Protein backbone atom coordinates (compact mmCIF):
# COMPACT_ATOMS: atom_id res chain seq x y z
CA MET A 1 53.79 -53.41 -67.91
CA PRO A 2 52.56 -49.87 -68.68
CA ASP A 3 50.38 -48.14 -66.11
CA THR A 4 47.06 -47.30 -67.79
CA GLY A 5 44.95 -46.77 -64.68
CA LEU A 6 44.18 -43.84 -62.42
CA THR A 7 47.83 -43.32 -61.49
CA ALA A 8 48.81 -42.90 -65.14
CA ARG A 9 46.03 -40.38 -65.75
CA ILE A 10 47.04 -38.35 -62.71
CA ARG A 11 50.68 -38.38 -63.82
CA GLU A 12 49.65 -37.26 -67.30
CA ASN A 13 47.63 -34.34 -65.89
CA ILE A 14 49.79 -33.61 -62.85
CA VAL A 15 49.72 -29.85 -63.52
CA LEU A 16 45.92 -29.73 -63.59
CA TYR A 17 45.41 -32.02 -60.60
CA GLY A 18 48.03 -30.15 -58.58
CA ALA A 19 46.40 -26.79 -59.32
CA LEU A 20 42.90 -28.15 -58.60
CA ALA A 21 43.90 -29.58 -55.22
CA ALA A 22 45.61 -26.34 -54.22
CA ASN A 23 42.73 -24.11 -55.30
CA LEU A 24 40.01 -26.13 -53.58
CA GLY A 25 41.78 -26.04 -50.22
CA ILE A 26 42.82 -22.42 -50.56
CA GLY A 27 39.35 -21.29 -51.65
CA VAL A 28 37.66 -22.65 -48.52
CA ALA A 29 40.27 -21.01 -46.27
CA LYS A 30 39.92 -17.65 -48.03
CA PHE A 31 36.15 -17.58 -47.70
CA VAL A 32 36.40 -18.44 -43.99
CA ALA A 33 38.94 -15.66 -43.50
CA ALA A 34 36.80 -13.19 -45.45
CA GLY A 35 33.77 -14.08 -43.30
CA ILE A 36 35.72 -13.58 -40.07
CA THR A 37 37.54 -10.36 -41.03
CA GLY A 38 35.22 -8.77 -43.60
CA SER A 39 38.14 -8.26 -45.99
CA SER A 40 37.12 -7.42 -49.57
CA SER A 41 40.41 -8.57 -51.05
CA MET A 42 40.15 -11.91 -49.22
CA LEU A 43 36.62 -12.42 -50.59
CA THR A 44 37.95 -11.58 -54.04
CA GLU A 45 40.76 -14.09 -53.61
CA GLY A 46 38.19 -16.73 -52.59
CA VAL A 47 36.22 -16.10 -55.78
CA HIS A 48 39.50 -16.28 -57.70
CA SER A 49 40.22 -19.74 -56.27
CA VAL A 50 36.70 -20.98 -57.08
CA VAL A 51 37.01 -19.77 -60.68
CA ASP A 52 40.44 -21.39 -61.01
CA SER A 53 39.09 -24.69 -59.65
CA GLY A 54 36.26 -24.62 -62.16
CA ASN A 55 38.74 -23.89 -64.91
CA GLN A 56 40.86 -26.93 -64.08
CA ILE A 57 37.74 -29.13 -64.10
CA LEU A 58 36.76 -27.75 -67.52
CA LEU A 59 40.25 -28.40 -68.91
CA LEU A 60 40.22 -31.97 -67.59
CA TYR A 61 36.80 -32.42 -69.20
CA GLY A 62 38.12 -30.92 -72.44
CA GLN A 63 41.07 -33.30 -72.45
CA LYS A 64 38.76 -36.27 -72.00
CA ARG A 65 36.50 -35.13 -74.84
CA ALA A 66 39.46 -34.41 -77.09
CA ARG A 67 40.71 -38.00 -76.84
CA ARG A 68 37.76 -39.36 -78.83
CA GLY A 69 38.81 -40.90 -82.12
CA PRO A 70 37.77 -39.87 -85.63
CA ASP A 71 34.31 -40.72 -86.93
CA ALA A 72 32.23 -40.05 -90.03
CA ILE A 73 31.26 -36.55 -88.90
CA HIS A 74 34.68 -35.54 -87.54
CA PRO A 75 37.22 -37.41 -89.71
CA PHE A 76 40.16 -35.68 -88.00
CA GLY A 77 38.94 -36.46 -84.49
CA TYR A 78 37.87 -34.18 -81.66
CA GLY A 79 41.27 -32.89 -80.57
CA ARG A 80 40.44 -29.23 -81.15
CA GLU A 81 37.58 -29.42 -78.65
CA LEU A 82 40.27 -28.87 -76.02
CA TYR A 83 40.94 -25.49 -77.63
CA PHE A 84 37.26 -24.59 -77.30
CA TRP A 85 37.29 -25.28 -73.57
CA ALA A 86 40.52 -23.31 -73.22
CA PHE A 87 38.71 -20.33 -74.76
CA VAL A 88 35.78 -20.85 -72.37
CA VAL A 89 38.24 -20.80 -69.46
CA ALA A 90 39.62 -17.46 -70.63
CA ILE A 91 36.09 -16.02 -70.80
CA LEU A 92 35.28 -17.31 -67.32
CA ILE A 93 38.41 -15.74 -65.86
CA PHE A 94 37.43 -12.43 -67.43
CA ALA A 95 33.69 -12.50 -66.64
CA LEU A 96 33.74 -14.11 -63.20
CA GLY A 97 37.24 -13.69 -61.80
CA SER A 98 37.96 -10.19 -63.05
CA GLY A 99 34.39 -8.87 -63.13
CA ILE A 100 33.42 -9.95 -59.62
CA SER A 101 36.75 -8.79 -58.19
CA ILE A 102 36.42 -5.30 -59.62
CA TYR A 103 32.74 -5.06 -58.64
CA GLU A 104 33.39 -6.23 -55.07
CA GLY A 105 36.33 -3.84 -54.75
CA TRP A 106 34.24 -0.91 -55.99
CA LEU A 107 31.49 -1.67 -53.45
CA HIS A 108 34.09 -1.82 -50.67
CA ILE A 109 35.55 1.53 -51.73
CA GLN A 110 32.09 3.10 -51.74
CA THR A 111 31.03 1.59 -48.38
CA PRO A 112 34.14 0.38 -46.53
CA GLU A 113 33.62 -2.08 -43.69
CA PRO A 114 35.13 -1.46 -40.23
CA LEU A 115 38.62 -2.88 -39.82
CA ARG A 116 39.03 -6.10 -37.84
CA ASP A 117 41.97 -8.14 -36.61
CA PRO A 118 43.91 -9.13 -39.78
CA THR A 119 45.78 -12.06 -38.19
CA VAL A 120 43.52 -14.67 -39.79
CA ASN A 121 44.04 -13.03 -43.19
CA TYR A 122 47.81 -13.18 -42.86
CA ILE A 123 47.75 -16.84 -41.82
CA VAL A 124 45.49 -17.83 -44.72
CA LEU A 125 47.50 -15.77 -47.21
CA ALA A 126 50.75 -17.38 -46.05
CA ILE A 127 49.31 -20.89 -46.40
CA ALA A 128 47.80 -20.00 -49.77
CA PHE A 129 51.13 -18.63 -50.98
CA VAL A 130 52.88 -21.89 -50.07
CA LEU A 131 50.24 -24.04 -51.81
CA GLU A 132 50.00 -21.80 -54.88
CA GLY A 133 53.79 -21.69 -55.02
CA ALA A 134 53.91 -25.49 -55.04
CA SER A 135 51.34 -25.62 -57.86
CA TRP A 136 53.23 -22.92 -59.74
CA SER A 137 56.51 -24.85 -59.35
CA ILE A 138 54.90 -27.96 -60.85
CA ALA A 139 53.54 -25.93 -63.77
CA VAL A 140 56.92 -24.27 -64.40
CA ARG A 141 58.78 -27.59 -64.23
CA GLU A 142 56.41 -29.33 -66.62
CA PHE A 143 56.37 -26.43 -69.07
CA SER A 144 60.18 -26.11 -68.95
CA ARG A 145 60.43 -29.78 -69.83
CA THR A 146 58.55 -29.24 -73.10
CA LYS A 147 59.38 -25.67 -74.11
CA GLY A 148 62.81 -26.35 -75.59
CA ASP A 149 65.61 -23.78 -75.75
CA GLY A 150 63.50 -20.78 -76.75
CA GLY A 151 62.28 -17.96 -74.53
CA TRP A 152 59.30 -18.35 -72.24
CA TRP A 153 56.94 -16.02 -74.09
CA ARG A 154 57.83 -17.53 -77.46
CA ALA A 155 57.28 -21.02 -76.01
CA ILE A 156 53.85 -20.02 -74.69
CA HIS A 157 52.93 -18.48 -78.04
CA ASP A 158 54.10 -21.58 -79.92
CA SER A 159 52.58 -24.09 -77.50
CA LYS A 160 49.70 -26.17 -78.85
CA ASP A 161 48.79 -27.62 -75.43
CA PRO A 162 46.57 -25.09 -73.56
CA PRO A 163 46.41 -26.73 -70.08
CA GLY A 164 50.15 -26.26 -69.55
CA PHE A 165 50.31 -22.54 -70.21
CA ILE A 166 46.83 -21.79 -68.78
CA VAL A 167 47.77 -23.20 -65.36
CA LEU A 168 51.09 -21.34 -65.57
CA PHE A 169 49.23 -18.07 -66.22
CA GLU A 170 46.60 -18.78 -63.55
CA ASP A 171 49.13 -19.65 -60.86
CA SER A 172 51.26 -16.61 -61.70
CA ALA A 173 48.16 -14.40 -61.44
CA ALA A 174 47.22 -16.14 -58.18
CA LEU A 175 50.62 -15.42 -56.62
CA ALA A 176 50.42 -11.80 -57.75
CA GLY A 177 46.90 -11.57 -56.32
CA LEU A 178 48.04 -12.93 -52.95
CA VAL A 179 50.79 -10.31 -52.75
CA ILE A 180 48.31 -7.55 -53.65
CA ALA A 181 45.79 -8.85 -51.10
CA ALA A 182 48.43 -8.96 -48.35
CA LEU A 183 49.55 -5.41 -49.13
CA GLY A 184 45.94 -4.26 -49.20
CA VAL A 185 45.18 -5.75 -45.78
CA TRP A 186 48.40 -4.38 -44.28
CA LEU A 187 48.03 -0.88 -45.71
CA SER A 188 44.38 -0.72 -44.63
CA HIS A 189 45.39 -1.31 -41.01
CA ALA A 190 48.57 0.74 -41.19
CA THR A 191 46.72 3.81 -42.46
CA GLY A 192 43.34 3.11 -40.88
CA ASP A 193 41.69 3.47 -44.30
CA ALA A 194 39.51 0.43 -45.12
CA ARG A 195 39.07 1.62 -48.71
CA ILE A 196 42.60 0.47 -49.54
CA ASP A 197 41.41 -3.13 -49.15
CA GLY A 198 38.81 -2.41 -51.85
CA ILE A 199 41.46 -0.87 -54.09
CA ALA A 200 43.48 -4.09 -53.70
CA SER A 201 40.44 -6.05 -54.85
CA VAL A 202 40.14 -3.86 -57.96
CA LEU A 203 43.84 -4.36 -58.71
CA ILE A 204 43.43 -8.14 -58.42
CA GLY A 205 40.54 -7.92 -60.88
CA LEU A 206 42.69 -5.95 -63.33
CA VAL A 207 45.45 -8.59 -63.11
CA LEU A 208 42.90 -11.32 -63.82
CA GLY A 209 41.48 -9.31 -66.72
CA LEU A 210 44.93 -8.98 -68.29
CA VAL A 211 45.58 -12.71 -67.89
CA ALA A 212 42.16 -13.51 -69.39
CA ILE A 213 42.88 -11.35 -72.45
CA LEU A 214 46.26 -13.01 -73.01
CA LEU A 215 44.75 -16.49 -72.65
CA ALA A 216 41.84 -15.66 -74.95
CA ARG A 217 44.30 -14.45 -77.57
CA GLU A 218 46.29 -17.69 -77.45
CA ALA A 219 43.19 -19.91 -77.32
CA LYS A 220 41.62 -18.07 -80.27
CA GLY A 221 44.63 -18.78 -82.46
CA LEU A 222 44.51 -22.48 -81.61
CA LEU A 223 40.75 -22.63 -82.14
CA ILE A 224 41.00 -21.05 -85.58
CA GLY A 225 43.89 -23.36 -86.48
CA GLU A 226 47.66 -22.88 -86.19
CA ARG A 227 50.46 -24.41 -88.19
CA ALA A 228 53.00 -26.75 -86.70
CA ASN A 229 56.23 -25.32 -85.34
CA PRO A 230 58.65 -24.14 -88.06
CA GLU A 231 61.13 -26.87 -87.10
CA VAL A 232 58.51 -29.53 -87.81
CA VAL A 233 57.60 -27.93 -91.15
CA GLU A 234 61.26 -27.77 -92.14
CA THR A 235 61.78 -31.43 -91.18
CA ILE A 236 58.87 -32.45 -93.41
CA ARG A 237 60.14 -30.30 -96.26
CA SER A 238 63.72 -31.65 -96.07
CA ILE A 239 62.57 -35.30 -96.02
CA VAL A 240 60.34 -34.77 -99.05
CA ALA A 241 62.95 -32.72 -100.93
CA ALA A 242 65.57 -35.47 -100.40
CA ARG A 243 63.64 -37.89 -102.63
CA PRO A 244 65.36 -38.15 -106.04
CA TRP A 245 62.00 -38.54 -107.80
CA ILE A 246 60.81 -35.15 -106.51
CA THR A 247 62.21 -32.15 -108.35
CA HIS A 248 60.75 -29.44 -106.11
CA VAL A 249 58.67 -29.06 -102.94
CA ASN A 250 56.05 -26.45 -103.74
CA HIS A 251 54.63 -26.03 -100.26
CA VAL A 252 54.15 -27.73 -96.91
CA ARG A 253 50.97 -26.62 -95.13
CA THR A 254 50.19 -27.90 -91.67
CA ILE A 255 47.52 -27.47 -89.02
CA HIS A 256 47.20 -28.82 -85.50
CA THR A 257 44.06 -30.92 -85.08
CA ALA A 258 45.05 -31.56 -81.45
CA PRO A 259 48.06 -30.68 -79.25
CA ASP A 260 49.86 -33.85 -80.40
CA SER A 261 48.21 -34.33 -83.80
CA ILE A 262 49.19 -32.60 -87.05
CA PHE A 263 47.62 -32.67 -90.51
CA ALA A 264 50.11 -31.98 -93.32
CA ALA A 265 49.29 -31.14 -96.94
CA ILE A 266 52.31 -31.33 -99.26
CA SER A 267 52.50 -30.18 -102.85
CA ALA A 268 55.49 -31.47 -104.81
CA ASP A 269 56.65 -31.57 -108.43
CA PHE A 270 57.36 -35.20 -109.40
CA VAL A 271 59.74 -36.42 -112.08
CA ASP A 272 57.68 -36.58 -115.31
CA SER A 273 58.88 -40.05 -116.19
CA LEU A 274 57.76 -41.62 -112.89
CA PRO A 275 55.01 -44.24 -113.54
CA MET A 276 51.79 -43.86 -111.53
CA GLY A 277 52.09 -47.30 -109.91
CA THR A 278 55.65 -46.60 -108.85
CA ALA A 279 54.66 -43.17 -107.56
CA GLU A 280 51.97 -44.69 -105.33
CA THR A 281 54.50 -47.07 -103.77
CA MET A 282 57.07 -44.30 -103.30
CA ILE A 283 54.50 -42.01 -101.68
CA GLU A 284 53.54 -44.75 -99.21
CA ILE A 285 57.20 -45.20 -98.26
CA LEU A 286 57.60 -41.44 -97.96
CA GLU A 287 54.59 -41.19 -95.62
CA ASP A 288 56.05 -43.93 -93.41
CA ASP A 289 59.36 -42.06 -93.23
CA LEU A 290 57.58 -38.81 -92.38
CA ARG A 291 55.61 -40.42 -89.56
CA GLN A 292 58.76 -41.98 -88.17
CA ALA A 293 60.52 -38.59 -88.17
CA VAL A 294 57.47 -36.67 -86.89
CA PRO A 295 55.29 -39.07 -84.80
CA SER A 296 52.63 -36.38 -84.29
CA LEU A 297 51.70 -36.49 -88.00
CA SER A 298 48.23 -38.01 -87.92
CA SER A 299 47.23 -37.31 -91.54
CA ILE A 300 49.39 -36.69 -94.60
CA TYR A 301 48.17 -35.55 -98.00
CA ILE A 302 50.76 -35.50 -100.81
CA ARG A 303 49.69 -33.89 -104.06
CA PRO A 304 51.74 -34.21 -107.28
CA GLU A 305 51.65 -30.74 -108.81
CA LYS A 306 53.73 -28.89 -111.38
CA ARG A 307 55.88 -26.18 -109.86
CA GLU A 308 54.49 -23.49 -112.14
CA ASN A 309 50.89 -24.50 -111.39
CA ALA A 310 51.49 -24.43 -107.64
CA ALA A 311 53.05 -20.96 -107.92
CA ALA A 312 50.07 -19.69 -109.89
CA THR A 313 47.56 -20.87 -107.27
CA ALA A 314 49.64 -20.08 -104.16
CA PRO A 315 47.85 -18.05 -101.44
CA HIS A 316 48.97 -14.62 -100.33
CA PRO A 317 52.27 -14.87 -98.36
CA ALA A 318 50.52 -13.66 -95.20
CA LEU A 319 48.20 -16.66 -95.37
CA LYS A 320 50.83 -19.35 -95.93
CA ASN A 321 51.57 -21.95 -93.28
CA GLY A 322 55.12 -23.12 -93.62
CA ALA A 323 55.26 -22.61 -97.39
């Protein structure tokens, strides 16, 4: 019997729940350490954890909203709402995570606080590194499972599921931030210059800003609408082209309406002698075969169109999706 309860939902969103649990615990510890030691970079890291926790909650909310089915107003469903919340997450990382980190670091450089015993900082940073590392390992494992044989950056660019690569980016930035914070605390005490701790905070903010820009770029593409992966487009094209009653496949245009939902519009030149009634039956069979080969096809539109007419009305090559 399939598990459709809480356990199933947690398993489905294991990356998000793992990251959320890690960030909540780490955030409290960082703020306590910052209060005890007065470290700017530790305060920055605490803000970073709070922002990350909020981001995971927003992504979970986006996933829930995106599962709503089609209705009269949104005939293709609400799947792309997840892409909107992914874009909001990128903005929050930039505005809150990066902005506050840089601002706090600048204040600490201008008016450095007296140095205190850094032992608490080191303990919290070590615990945080272990927890963030565990969250990062989960994110890497889950993303590796779905990325295929291509390179990591190409897989991130081609991914249509924002939570997976957002958590991967966030956890990578978090680990980098922890290393920077540890170096900042150590160098501040080694040199006796408290301003170095503020510089570390600024560097953490710059790392978060870079991550936010990369995430915003990926989320923007998904929000505008991206085609399916080339392999999917080619599978659709080959299945359609194999039909003896189709003389030419003019174009296959696709768009993701959700991470696991694809709309496909196919233009094909049919045999002139094919009766309309027969064509309707053959198209229905073809759609069934396409859905069996590509289960993520949620909507299929097949248009009979002369090859020369399709060529005359084709969009500019730069605008084609899988043509």
